[in-house]
Amino acid sequence: MRCRSLFLAPLLFLASSLALADYRIGVSIAKVDDNFMAYIRSGLQDAARQDNIQIQFVDAQGDVVRQLNQVQDFLSQQVDAVIVLPADTGGTARMTQAAVEAKIPLVYVNRHPDTKELPKGVVTVASNDIEAGQLQMRFLAEKLGGKGNVVIIKGDLAQNATHDRTEGVMQVLKDYPGIRVVEEQSGEWIRSKGMDLTSNWLLAGTQFDAVIANNDEMAIGAAMALQQAGKAKGQIPVVGIDGLPDGLAAIKRGMLAASVFQDPKAQSAKAIDVALKMIKGEPVEAEVWVPFKLITPDQVEMYEQHFK
């Protein structure tokens, strides 16, 4: 009998600790093995712990139908709020509708749904991707002296982040008629695909003076391809977006000329904060923006502190 009670003790402790949580929030992440999304998940976990919130994570594995089912499951469990990092920003309408009908707060984090206006009870916490592309291109335009050919490695074409970051680049290019985009293709956010695209352009004899990538993973892949082709570090500047530890290390090594910092901790903390306010019936903005910041080599150490 004594052994049985010892066995049950951890389970009873777990049950009591969950019962002590003030609120329950369900979170569906587009892909938990994605580098940036792993930081979002960690940030949400930390913020929830500080606010005494029980949080449950599920992995959509990049599948919008799976994600819709996950959201519907959370709603049927009557959680206090749902947070979603969308697998497909064009496939969120039914999730939004389901949350509104259930009268349960819904927060989209990191990626803004394609819908321009969200109904009451639904909020987005993200960063303005157009701003990221603008920061990239202004830096490169200055580095190139306003002249040259550039290539663009895009992210997943199903994501509005891809289109907005590229749009930001194009907006700045209107002020620099001496800079021309000679190639632009999708690397789907993946390092190996960024590497393959760059290798193919080099093999095809495409002449370019800089590489703009929609994220650091693809930018690092491009830099690796340039090194394999015998290009000296920095000979063809490469700029990415995210500013995570791998990107910061690549700037330190001279592989990347710069990056644009997207703050996963701030996005996560604000997502939990907004969800909590909505649960309590407090007023919130429909869109909460976390600013992007340019990271140049002399600033790397400052941003490294962010991940310690």
C-alpha atoms as a PDB file:
ATOM      1  CA  MET A   1       0.000   0.000   0.000  1.00  0.00           C
ATOM      2  CA  ARG A   2       2.873   2.310   0.839  1.00  0.00           C
ATOM      3  CA  CYS A   3       4.483   1.681  -2.577  1.00  0.00           C
ATOM      4  CA  ARG A   4       1.219   2.551  -4.312  1.00  0.00           C
ATOM      5  CA  SER A   5       0.959   5.915  -2.529  1.00  0.00           C
ATOM      6  CA  LEU A   6       4.579   6.688  -3.396  1.00  0.00           C
ATOM      7  CA  PHE A   7       3.827   5.908  -7.038  1.00  0.00           C
ATOM      8  CA  LEU A   8       0.768   8.167  -7.028  1.00  0.00           C
ATOM      9  CA  ALA A   9       2.492  11.089  -5.311  1.00  0.00           C
ATOM     10  CA  PRO A  10       4.106  12.606  -8.447  1.00  0.00           C
ATOM     11  CA  LEU A  11       0.814  12.301 -10.346  1.00  0.00           C
ATOM     12  CA  LEU A  12      -1.108  13.954  -7.534  1.00  0.00           C
ATOM     13  CA  PHE A  13       1.471  16.739  -7.395  1.00  0.00           C
ATOM     14  CA  LEU A  14       1.181  17.270 -11.163  1.00  0.00           C
ATOM     15  CA  ALA A  15      -2.614  17.391 -10.994  1.00  0.00           C
ATOM     16  CA  SER A  16      -2.551  19.839  -8.096  1.00  0.00           C
ATOM     17  CA  SER A  17       0.012  22.102  -9.829  1.00  0.00           C
ATOM     18  CA  LEU A  18      -2.135  22.232 -12.975  1.00  0.00           C
ATOM     19  CA  ALA A  19      -5.196  22.959 -10.873  1.00  0.00           C
ATOM     20  CA  LEU A  20      -3.353  25.916  -9.356  1.00  0.00           C
ATOM     21  CA  ALA A  21      -2.812  27.529 -12.780  1.00  0.00           C
ATOM     22  CA  ASP A  22      -4.921  30.652 -13.259  1.00  0.00           C
ATOM     23  CA  TYR A  23      -5.744  29.999 -16.923  1.00  0.00           C
ATOM     24  CA  ARG A  24      -5.309  27.411 -19.699  1.00  0.00           C
ATOM     25  CA  ILE A  25      -4.050  28.371 -23.169  1.00  0.00           C
ATOM     26  CA  GLY A  26      -3.754  26.032 -26.152  1.00  0.00           C
ATOM     27  CA  VAL A  27      -0.997  26.741 -28.683  1.00  0.00           C
ATOM     28  CA  SER A  28      -0.680  25.366 -32.214  1.00  0.00           C
ATOM     29  CA  ILE A  29       2.746  25.904 -33.794  1.00  0.00           C
ATOM     30  CA  ALA A  30       3.123  25.569 -37.572  1.00  0.00           C
ATOM     31  CA  LYS A  31       6.325  23.482 -37.297  1.00  0.00           C
ATOM     32  CA  VAL A  32       7.940  22.901 -33.922  1.00  0.00           C
ATOM     33  CA  ASP A  33      11.248  21.818 -35.503  1.00  0.00           C
ATOM     34  CA  ASP A  34      11.621  25.144 -37.339  1.00  0.00           C
ATOM     35  CA  ASN A  35      14.541  27.125 -35.885  1.00  0.00           C
ATOM     36  CA  PHE A  36      12.699  30.422 -35.326  1.00  0.00           C
ATOM     37  CA  MET A  37       9.488  28.743 -34.169  1.00  0.00           C
ATOM     38  CA  ALA A  38      11.458  26.855 -31.520  1.00  0.00           C
ATOM     39  CA  TYR A  39      12.352  30.240 -29.990  1.00  0.00           C
ATOM     40  CA  ILE A  40       8.711  31.336 -30.177  1.00  0.00           C
ATOM     41  CA  ARG A  41       7.683  28.179 -28.338  1.00  0.00           C
ATOM     42  CA  SER A  42      10.351  28.687 -25.667  1.00  0.00           C
ATOM     43  CA  GLY A  43       9.318  32.334 -25.259  1.00  0.00           C
ATOM     44  CA  LEU A  44       5.658  31.425 -24.869  1.00  0.00           C
ATOM     45  CA  GLN A  45       6.567  28.791 -22.290  1.00  0.00           C
ATOM     46  CA  ASP A  46       8.626  31.273 -20.245  1.00  0.00           C
ATOM     47  CA  ALA A  47       5.977  34.003 -20.392  1.00  0.00           C
ATOM     48  CA  ALA A  48       3.196  31.569 -19.446  1.00  0.00           C
ATOM     49  CA  ARG A  49       5.195  30.313 -16.466  1.00  0.00           C
ATOM     50  CA  GLN A  50       5.651  33.869 -15.175  1.00  0.00           C
ATOM     51  CA  ASP A  51       1.898  34.515 -15.402  1.00  0.00           C
ATOM     52  CA  ASN A  52       0.912  31.151 -13.830  1.00  0.00           C
ATOM     53  CA  ILE A  53      -0.717  29.942 -17.053  1.00  0.00           C
ATOM     54  CA  GLN A  54      -1.035  26.295 -18.020  1.00  0.00           C
ATOM     55  CA  ILE A  55       0.010  26.031 -21.668  1.00  0.00           C
ATOM     56  CA  GLN A  56      -0.372  23.098 -24.056  1.00  0.00           C
ATOM     57  CA  PHE A  57       1.568  22.910 -27.338  1.00  0.00           C
ATOM     58  CA  VAL A  58       0.667  20.942 -30.458  1.00  0.00           C
ATOM     59  CA  ASP A  59       2.582  20.659 -33.743  1.00  0.00           C
ATOM     60  CA  ALA A  60       0.676  21.347 -36.988  1.00  0.00           C
ATOM     61  CA  GLN A  61       3.583  19.890 -38.996  1.00  0.00           C
ATOM     62  CA  GLY A  62       2.998  22.492 -41.697  1.00  0.00           C
ATOM     63  CA  ASP A  63      -0.517  21.186 -42.380  1.00  0.00           C
ATOM     64  CA  VAL A  64      -3.316  23.788 -42.327  1.00  0.00           C
ATOM     65  CA  VAL A  65      -6.062  21.137 -42.001  1.00  0.00           C
ATOM     66  CA  ARG A  66      -4.275  19.539 -39.050  1.00  0.00           C
ATOM     67  CA  GLN A  67      -3.939  22.986 -37.487  1.00  0.00           C
ATOM     68  CA  LEU A  68      -7.650  23.748 -37.925  1.00  0.00           C
ATOM     69  CA  ASN A  69      -8.475  20.451 -36.185  1.00  0.00           C
ATOM     70  CA  GLN A  70      -6.081  21.325 -33.356  1.00  0.00           C
ATOM     71  CA  VAL A  71      -7.723  24.722 -32.862  1.00  0.00           C
ATOM     72  CA  GLN A  72     -11.180  23.129 -32.883  1.00  0.00           C
ATOM     73  CA  ASP A  73      -9.997  20.598 -30.277  1.00  0.00           C
ATOM     74  CA  PHE A  74      -8.781  23.396 -28.010  1.00  0.00           C
ATOM     75  CA  LEU A  75     -12.086  25.223 -28.409  1.00  0.00           C
ATOM     76  CA  SER A  76     -14.062  22.082 -27.558  1.00  0.00           C
ATOM     77  CA  GLN A  77     -11.918  21.711 -24.407  1.00  0.00           C
ATOM     78  CA  GLN A  78     -12.999  25.271 -23.549  1.00  0.00           C
ATOM     79  CA  VAL A  79      -9.506  26.580 -22.950  1.00  0.00           C
ATOM     80  CA  ASP A  80      -9.341  30.220 -21.862  1.00  0.00           C
ATOM     81  CA  ALA A  81      -7.524  31.313 -25.049  1.00  0.00           C
ATOM     82  CA  VAL A  82      -5.841  29.920 -28.152  1.00  0.00           C
ATOM     83  CA  ILE A  83      -2.542  31.059 -29.694  1.00  0.00           C
ATOM     84  CA  VAL A  84      -1.709  30.059 -33.279  1.00  0.00           C
ATOM     85  CA  LEU A  85       1.469  30.416 -35.306  1.00  0.00           C
ATOM     86  CA  PRO A  86      -0.179  29.776 -38.703  1.00  0.00           C
ATOM     87  CA  ALA A  87       1.013  27.032 -41.026  1.00  0.00           C
ATOM     88  CA  ASP A  88      -0.584  28.936 -43.912  1.00  0.00           C
ATOM     89  CA  THR A  89      -1.510  32.605 -43.522  1.00  0.00           C
ATOM     90  CA  GLY A  90      -4.112  32.158 -46.267  1.00  0.00           C
ATOM     91  CA  GLY A  91      -5.826  29.311 -44.407  1.00  0.00           C
ATOM     92  CA  THR A  92      -6.809  30.953 -41.127  1.00  0.00           C
ATOM     93  CA  ALA A  93     -10.387  32.082 -41.884  1.00  0.00           C
ATOM     94  CA  ARG A  94     -12.069  28.954 -40.468  1.00  0.00           C
ATOM     95  CA  MET A  95      -9.927  29.077 -37.308  1.00  0.00           C
ATOM     96  CA  THR A  96     -10.927  32.696 -36.800  1.00  0.00           C
ATOM     97  CA  GLN A  97     -14.592  31.903 -37.377  1.00  0.00           C
ATOM     98  CA  ALA A  98     -14.521  28.932 -34.982  1.00  0.00           C
ATOM     99  CA  ALA A  99     -12.909  31.001 -32.187  1.00  0.00           C
ATOM    100  CA  VAL A 100     -15.364  33.879 -32.645  1.00  0.00           C
ATOM    101  CA  GLU A 101     -18.329  31.487 -32.527  1.00  0.00           C
ATOM    102  CA  ALA A 102     -16.930  29.820 -29.385  1.00  0.00           C
ATOM    103  CA  LYS A 103     -16.310  33.281 -27.852  1.00  0.00           C
ATOM    104  CA  ILE A 104     -12.771  32.254 -26.937  1.00  0.00           C
ATOM    105  CA  PRO A 105      -9.891  34.731 -27.501  1.00  0.00           C
ATOM    106  CA  LEU A 106      -7.578  33.886 -30.398  1.00  0.00           C
ATOM    107  CA  VAL A 107      -4.086  35.346 -30.850  1.00  0.00           C
ATOM    108  CA  TYR A 108      -2.070  34.834 -34.028  1.00  0.00           C
ATOM    109  CA  VAL A 109       1.653  35.140 -33.289  1.00  0.00           C
ATOM    110  CA  ASN A 110       4.604  35.820 -35.612  1.00  0.00           C
ATOM    111  CA  ARG A 111       2.563  35.531 -38.833  1.00  0.00           C
ATOM    112  CA  HIS A 112      -0.318  37.842 -39.680  1.00  0.00           C
ATOM    113  CA  PRO A 113      -3.312  36.166 -41.387  1.00  0.00           C
ATOM    114  CA  ASP A 114      -3.935  37.306 -44.958  1.00  0.00           C
ATOM    115  CA  THR A 115      -7.255  38.804 -43.816  1.00  0.00           C
ATOM    116  CA  LYS A 116      -6.725  42.558 -43.516  1.00  0.00           C
ATOM    117  CA  GLU A 117      -9.224  43.113 -40.710  1.00  0.00           C
ATOM    118  CA  LEU A 118      -9.750  40.581 -37.947  1.00  0.00           C
ATOM    119  CA  PRO A 119     -13.012  40.433 -35.955  1.00  0.00           C
ATOM    120  CA  LYS A 120     -13.291  41.416 -32.313  1.00  0.00           C
ATOM    121  CA  GLY A 121     -11.743  38.797 -30.057  1.00  0.00           C
ATOM    122  CA  VAL A 122      -8.958  37.990 -32.536  1.00  0.00           C
ATOM    123  CA  VAL A 123      -5.560  39.721 -32.420  1.00  0.00           C
ATOM    124  CA  THR A 124      -2.222  39.427 -34.241  1.00  0.00           C
ATOM    125  CA  VAL A 125       1.161  39.875 -32.546  1.00  0.00           C
ATOM    126  CA  ALA A 126       3.893  40.011 -35.167  1.00  0.00           C
ATOM    127  CA  SER A 127       6.529  42.176 -36.835  1.00  0.00           C
ATOM    128  CA  ASN A 128       5.964  44.232 -39.993  1.00  0.00           C
ATOM    129  CA  ASP A 129       7.761  42.204 -42.652  1.00  0.00           C
ATOM    130  CA  ILE A 130       7.813  45.078 -45.145  1.00  0.00           C
ATOM    131  CA  GLU A 131      10.015  46.930 -42.653  1.00  0.00           C
ATOM    132  CA  ALA A 132      12.498  44.014 -42.605  1.00  0.00           C
ATOM    133  CA  GLY A 133      12.903  44.077 -46.392  1.00  0.00           C
ATOM    134  CA  GLN A 134      13.369  47.839 -46.339  1.00  0.00           C
ATOM    135  CA  LEU A 135      16.112  47.607 -43.721  1.00  0.00           C
ATOM    136  CA  GLN A 136      17.917  44.917 -45.735  1.00  0.00           C
ATOM    137  CA  MET A 137      17.814  46.815 -48.994  1.00  0.00           C
ATOM    138  CA  ARG A 138      18.783  50.210 -47.580  1.00  0.00           C
ATOM    139  CA  PHE A 139      21.866  48.606 -46.000  1.00  0.00           C
ATOM    140  CA  LEU A 140      22.833  46.849 -49.230  1.00  0.00           C
ATOM    141  CA  ALA A 141      22.108  49.847 -51.459  1.00  0.00           C
ATOM    142  CA  GLU A 142      24.572  51.871 -49.417  1.00  0.00           C
ATOM    143  CA  LYS A 143      27.126  49.062 -49.446  1.00  0.00           C
ATOM    144  CA  LEU A 144      26.832  48.739 -53.249  1.00  0.00           C
ATOM    145  CA  GLY A 145      27.046  52.476 -53.777  1.00  0.00           C
ATOM    146  CA  GLY A 146      23.651  52.441 -55.491  1.00  0.00           C
ATOM    147  CA  LYS A 147      24.789  50.216 -58.391  1.00  0.00           C
ATOM    148  CA  GLY A 148      24.863  46.497 -59.181  1.00  0.00           C
ATOM    149  CA  ASN A 149      22.903  43.303 -59.666  1.00  0.00           C
ATOM    150  CA  VAL A 150      21.179  41.490 -56.792  1.00  0.00           C
ATOM    151  CA  VAL A 151      19.448  38.135 -56.364  1.00  0.00           C
ATOM    152  CA  ILE A 152      16.587  37.479 -53.951  1.00  0.00           C
ATOM    153  CA  ILE A 153      16.040  34.158 -52.172  1.00  0.00           C
ATOM    154  CA  LYS A 154      12.417  34.065 -51.078  1.00  0.00           C
ATOM    155  CA  GLY A 155      10.778  32.064 -48.308  1.00  0.00           C
ATOM    156  CA  ASP A 156       7.712  29.839 -48.626  1.00  0.00           C
ATOM    157  CA  LEU A 157       5.459  31.384 -51.276  1.00  0.00           C
ATOM    158  CA  ALA A 158       2.360  30.443 -49.229  1.00  0.00           C
ATOM    159  CA  GLN A 159       3.408  32.897 -46.494  1.00  0.00           C
ATOM    160  CA  ASN A 160       2.662  36.606 -46.571  1.00  0.00           C
ATOM    161  CA  ALA A 161       5.987  37.169 -44.759  1.00  0.00           C
ATOM    162  CA  THR A 162       7.714  36.118 -47.990  1.00  0.00           C
ATOM    163  CA  HIS A 163       5.746  38.567 -50.111  1.00  0.00           C
ATOM    164  CA  ASP A 164       5.987  41.429 -47.612  1.00  0.00           C
ATOM    165  CA  ARG A 165       9.735  41.102 -47.049  1.00  0.00           C
ATOM    166  CA  THR A 166      10.304  41.039 -50.792  1.00  0.00           C
ATOM    167  CA  GLU A 167       7.905  43.966 -51.232  1.00  0.00           C
ATOM    168  CA  GLY A 168       9.973  45.960 -48.728  1.00  0.00           C
ATOM    169  CA  VAL A 169      13.073  45.322 -50.844  1.00  0.00           C
ATOM    170  CA  MET A 170      11.281  46.423 -54.007  1.00  0.00           C
ATOM    171  CA  GLN A 171       9.996  49.615 -52.383  1.00  0.00           C
ATOM    172  CA  VAL A 172      13.536  50.715 -51.539  1.00  0.00           C
ATOM    173  CA  LEU A 173      14.810  49.738 -54.998  1.00  0.00           C
ATOM    174  CA  LYS A 174      12.520  52.379 -56.530  1.00  0.00           C
ATOM    175  CA  ASP A 175      14.987  54.928 -55.134  1.00  0.00           C
ATOM    176  CA  TYR A 176      17.968  53.107 -56.675  1.00  0.00           C
ATOM    177  CA  PRO A 177      17.555  52.724 -60.460  1.00  0.00           C
ATOM    178  CA  GLY A 178      21.181  51.581 -60.684  1.00  0.00           C
ATOM    179  CA  ILE A 179      20.425  48.358 -58.808  1.00  0.00           C
ATOM    180  CA  ARG A 180      18.734  45.553 -60.716  1.00  0.00           C
ATOM    181  CA  VAL A 181      17.179  42.261 -59.513  1.00  0.00           C
ATOM    182  CA  VAL A 182      18.472  39.576 -61.876  1.00  0.00           C
ATOM    183  CA  GLU A 183      17.026  36.471 -60.151  1.00  0.00           C
ATOM    184  CA  GLU A 184      14.405  35.721 -57.487  1.00  0.00           C
ATOM    185  CA  GLN A 185      13.287  32.236 -56.450  1.00  0.00           C
ATOM    186  CA  SER A 186      11.926  30.463 -53.378  1.00  0.00           C
ATOM    187  CA  GLY A 187      14.229  28.612 -51.002  1.00  0.00           C
ATOM    188  CA  GLU A 188      11.283  27.745 -48.725  1.00  0.00           C
ATOM    189  CA  TRP A 189      13.111  29.112 -45.631  1.00  0.00           C
ATOM    190  CA  ILE A 190      15.599  26.182 -45.817  1.00  0.00           C
ATOM    191  CA  ARG A 191      19.410  26.520 -45.663  1.00  0.00           C
ATOM    192  CA  SER A 192      20.120  23.709 -48.138  1.00  0.00           C
ATOM    193  CA  LYS A 193      17.734  25.195 -50.692  1.00  0.00           C
ATOM    194  CA  GLY A 194      19.329  28.626 -50.343  1.00  0.00           C
ATOM    195  CA  MET A 195      22.651  26.931 -51.019  1.00  0.00           C
ATOM    196  CA  ASP A 196      21.325  25.033 -54.060  1.00  0.00           C
ATOM    197  CA  LEU A 197      19.757  28.120 -55.617  1.00  0.00           C
ATOM    198  CA  THR A 198      22.960  30.140 -55.248  1.00  0.00           C
ATOM    199  CA  SER A 199      25.076  27.300 -56.646  1.00  0.00           C
ATOM    200  CA  ASN A 200      22.758  27.001 -59.647  1.00  0.00           C
ATOM    201  CA  TRP A 201      22.940  30.735 -60.358  1.00  0.00           C
ATOM    202  CA  LEU A 202      26.736  30.650 -60.179  1.00  0.00           C
ATOM    203  CA  LEU A 203      26.924  27.592 -62.461  1.00  0.00           C
ATOM    204  CA  ALA A 204      24.582  29.284 -64.935  1.00  0.00           C
ATOM    205  CA  GLY A 205      26.949  32.260 -65.093  1.00  0.00           C
ATOM    206  CA  THR A 206      24.510  34.720 -63.514  1.00  0.00           C
ATOM    207  CA  GLN A 207      26.389  37.868 -62.532  1.00  0.00           C
ATOM    208  CA  PHE A 208      25.327  39.319 -59.169  1.00  0.00           C
ATOM    209  CA  ASP A 209      26.890  41.615 -56.595  1.00  0.00           C
ATOM    210  CA  ALA A 210      24.767  40.834 -53.517  1.00  0.00           C
ATOM    211  CA  VAL A 211      22.299  38.297 -52.109  1.00  0.00           C
ATOM    212  CA  ILE A 212      19.114  39.220 -50.251  1.00  0.00           C
ATOM    213  CA  ALA A 213      17.460  36.332 -48.389  1.00  0.00           C
ATOM    214  CA  ASN A 214      14.083  36.372 -46.654  1.00  0.00           C
ATOM    215  CA  ASN A 215      15.669  34.648 -43.631  1.00  0.00           C
ATOM    216  CA  ASP A 216      19.096  33.831 -42.183  1.00  0.00           C
ATOM    217  CA  GLU A 217      18.907  30.103 -42.870  1.00  0.00           C
ATOM    218  CA  MET A 218      18.713  30.684 -46.638  1.00  0.00           C
ATOM    219  CA  ALA A 219      21.286  33.487 -46.364  1.00  0.00           C
ATOM    220  CA  ILE A 220      23.758  31.128 -44.650  1.00  0.00           C
ATOM    221  CA  GLY A 221      23.142  28.550 -47.384  1.00  0.00           C
ATOM    222  CA  ALA A 222      23.891  31.200 -50.022  1.00  0.00           C
ATOM    223  CA  ALA A 223      27.108  32.191 -48.224  1.00  0.00           C
ATOM    224  CA  MET A 224      28.199  28.542 -48.090  1.00  0.00           C
ATOM    225  CA  ALA A 225      27.642  28.195 -51.847  1.00  0.00           C
ATOM    226  CA  LEU A 226      29.686  31.343 -52.510  1.00  0.00           C
ATOM    227  CA  GLN A 227      32.556  29.986 -50.387  1.00  0.00           C
ATOM    228  CA  GLN A 228      32.446  26.650 -52.199  1.00  0.00           C
ATOM    229  CA  ALA A 229      32.683  28.550 -55.488  1.00  0.00           C
ATOM    230  CA  GLY A 230      35.894  30.195 -54.276  1.00  0.00           C
ATOM    231  CA  LYS A 231      34.452  33.609 -53.445  1.00  0.00           C
ATOM    232  CA  ALA A 232      36.176  35.388 -50.571  1.00  0.00           C
ATOM    233  CA  LYS A 233      34.081  36.179 -47.480  1.00  0.00           C
ATOM    234  CA  GLY A 234      32.282  39.457 -48.049  1.00  0.00           C
ATOM    235  CA  GLN A 235      33.185  39.609 -51.753  1.00  0.00           C
ATOM    236  CA  ILE A 236      29.478  39.219 -52.505  1.00  0.00           C
ATOM    237  CA  PRO A 237      27.589  40.554 -49.448  1.00  0.00           C
ATOM    238  CA  VAL A 238      24.721  38.411 -48.159  1.00  0.00           C
ATOM    239  CA  VAL A 239      21.991  39.746 -45.875  1.00  0.00           C
ATOM    240  CA  GLY A 240      19.317  37.721 -44.051  1.00  0.00           C
ATOM    241  CA  ILE A 241      16.525  38.216 -41.535  1.00  0.00           C
ATOM    242  CA  ASP A 242      15.959  36.848 -37.982  1.00  0.00           C
ATOM    243  CA  GLY A 243      19.186  37.479 -36.088  1.00  0.00           C
ATOM    244  CA  LEU A 244      19.071  34.180 -34.206  1.00  0.00           C
ATOM    245  CA  PRO A 245      22.326  32.668 -32.815  1.00  0.00           C
ATOM    246  CA  ASP A 246      23.240  30.925 -36.112  1.00  0.00           C
ATOM    247  CA  GLY A 247      22.786  34.164 -38.023  1.00  0.00           C
ATOM    248  CA  LEU A 248      24.775  36.150 -35.458  1.00  0.00           C
ATOM    249  CA  ALA A 249      27.610  33.595 -35.619  1.00  0.00           C
ATOM    250  CA  ALA A 250      27.583  33.852 -39.422  1.00  0.00           C
ATOM    251  CA  ILE A 251      27.957  37.652 -39.213  1.00  0.00           C
ATOM    252  CA  LYS A 252      30.869  37.211 -36.782  1.00  0.00           C
ATOM    253  CA  ARG A 253      32.578  34.817 -39.192  1.00  0.00           C
ATOM    254  CA  GLY A 254      32.114  37.248 -42.074  1.00  0.00           C
ATOM    255  CA  MET A 255      29.692  34.967 -43.955  1.00  0.00           C
ATOM    256  CA  LEU A 256      26.804  37.446 -43.653  1.00  0.00           C
ATOM    257  CA  ALA A 257      27.225  41.188 -44.065  1.00  0.00           C
ATOM    258  CA  ALA A 258      24.223  41.877 -41.839  1.00  0.00           C
ATOM    259  CA  SER A 259      20.873  40.569 -40.664  1.00  0.00           C
ATOM    260  CA  VAL A 260      17.604  42.042 -39.451  1.00  0.00           C
ATOM    261  CA  PHE A 261      16.574  41.096 -35.932  1.00  0.00           C
ATOM    262  CA  GLN A 262      13.124  39.642 -35.408  1.00  0.00           C
ATOM    263  CA  ASP A 263      12.533  39.351 -31.668  1.00  0.00           C
ATOM    264  CA  PRO A 264      10.935  35.964 -30.801  1.00  0.00           C
ATOM    265  CA  LYS A 265      10.956  36.658 -27.048  1.00  0.00           C
ATOM    266  CA  ALA A 266       9.122  39.962 -27.436  1.00  0.00           C
ATOM    267  CA  GLN A 267       6.578  38.440 -29.836  1.00  0.00           C
ATOM    268  CA  SER A 268       5.964  35.560 -27.410  1.00  0.00           C
ATOM    269  CA  ALA A 269       5.709  37.752 -24.322  1.00  0.00           C
ATOM    270  CA  LYS A 270       3.298  40.138 -26.028  1.00  0.00           C
ATOM    271  CA  ALA A 271       1.185  37.218 -27.320  1.00  0.00           C
ATOM    272  CA  ILE A 272       0.739  35.898 -23.761  1.00  0.00           C
ATOM    273  CA  ASP A 273       0.114  39.409 -22.442  1.00  0.00           C
ATOM    274  CA  VAL A 274      -2.550  40.090 -25.091  1.00  0.00           C
ATOM    275  CA  ALA A 275      -4.205  36.697 -24.513  1.00  0.00           C
ATOM    276  CA  LEU A 276      -4.336  37.396 -20.769  1.00  0.00           C
ATOM    277  CA  LYS A 277      -5.887  40.829 -21.297  1.00  0.00           C
ATOM    278  CA  MET A 278      -8.509  39.360 -23.630  1.00  0.00           C
ATOM    279  CA  ILE A 279      -9.355  36.620 -21.116  1.00  0.00           C
ATOM    280  CA  LYS A 280      -9.901  39.321 -18.485  1.00  0.00           C
ATOM    281  CA  GLY A 281     -11.987  41.421 -20.859  1.00  0.00           C
ATOM    282  CA  GLU A 282      -9.472  44.256 -20.999  1.00  0.00           C
ATOM    283  CA  PRO A 283      -9.134  46.385 -24.170  1.00  0.00           C
ATOM    284  CA  VAL A 284      -6.423  45.400 -26.697  1.00  0.00           C
ATOM    285  CA  GLU A 285      -5.239  46.609 -30.106  1.00  0.00           C
ATOM    286  CA  ALA A 286      -6.212  44.432 -33.087  1.00  0.00           C
ATOM    287  CA  GLU A 287      -2.560  44.400 -34.224  1.00  0.00           C
ATOM    288  CA  VAL A 288       0.498  44.500 -31.980  1.00  0.00           C
ATOM    289  CA  TRP A 289       3.758  45.141 -33.824  1.00  0.00           C
ATOM    290  CA  VAL A 290       7.249  44.275 -32.555  1.00  0.00           C
ATOM    291  CA  PRO A 291       9.820  46.362 -34.495  1.00  0.00           C
ATOM    292  CA  PHE A 292      12.608  44.885 -36.628  1.00  0.00           C
ATOM    293  CA  LYS A 293      16.196  46.125 -36.119  1.00  0.00           C
ATOM    294  CA  LEU A 294      19.217  46.013 -38.436  1.00  0.00           C
ATOM    295  CA  ILE A 295      22.195  44.041 -37.081  1.00  0.00           C
ATOM    296  CA  THR A 296      25.605  45.067 -38.431  1.00  0.00           C
ATOM    297  CA  PRO A 297      28.893  43.330 -37.455  1.00  0.00           C
ATOM    298  CA  ASP A 298      29.696  45.882 -34.736  1.00  0.00           C
ATOM    299  CA  GLN A 299      26.349  45.146 -33.019  1.00  0.00           C
ATOM    300  CA  VAL A 300      26.521  41.344 -32.885  1.00  0.00           C
ATOM    301  CA  GLU A 301      27.719  41.146 -29.283  1.00  0.00           C
ATOM    302  CA  MET A 302      24.773  43.228 -28.095  1.00  0.00           C
ATOM    303  CA  TYR A 303      22.283  40.898 -29.776  1.00  0.00           C
ATOM    304  CA  GLU A 304      24.085  37.777 -28.537  1.00  0.00           C
ATOM    305  CA  GLN A 305      23.167  38.878 -25.007  1.00  0.00           C
ATOM    306  CA  HIS A 306      19.516  38.484 -25.983  1.00  0.00           C
ATOM    307  CA  PHE A 307      19.927  34.688 -26.118  1.00  0.00           C
ATOM    308  CA  LYS A 308      21.917  34.213 -22.902  1.00  0.00           C
END
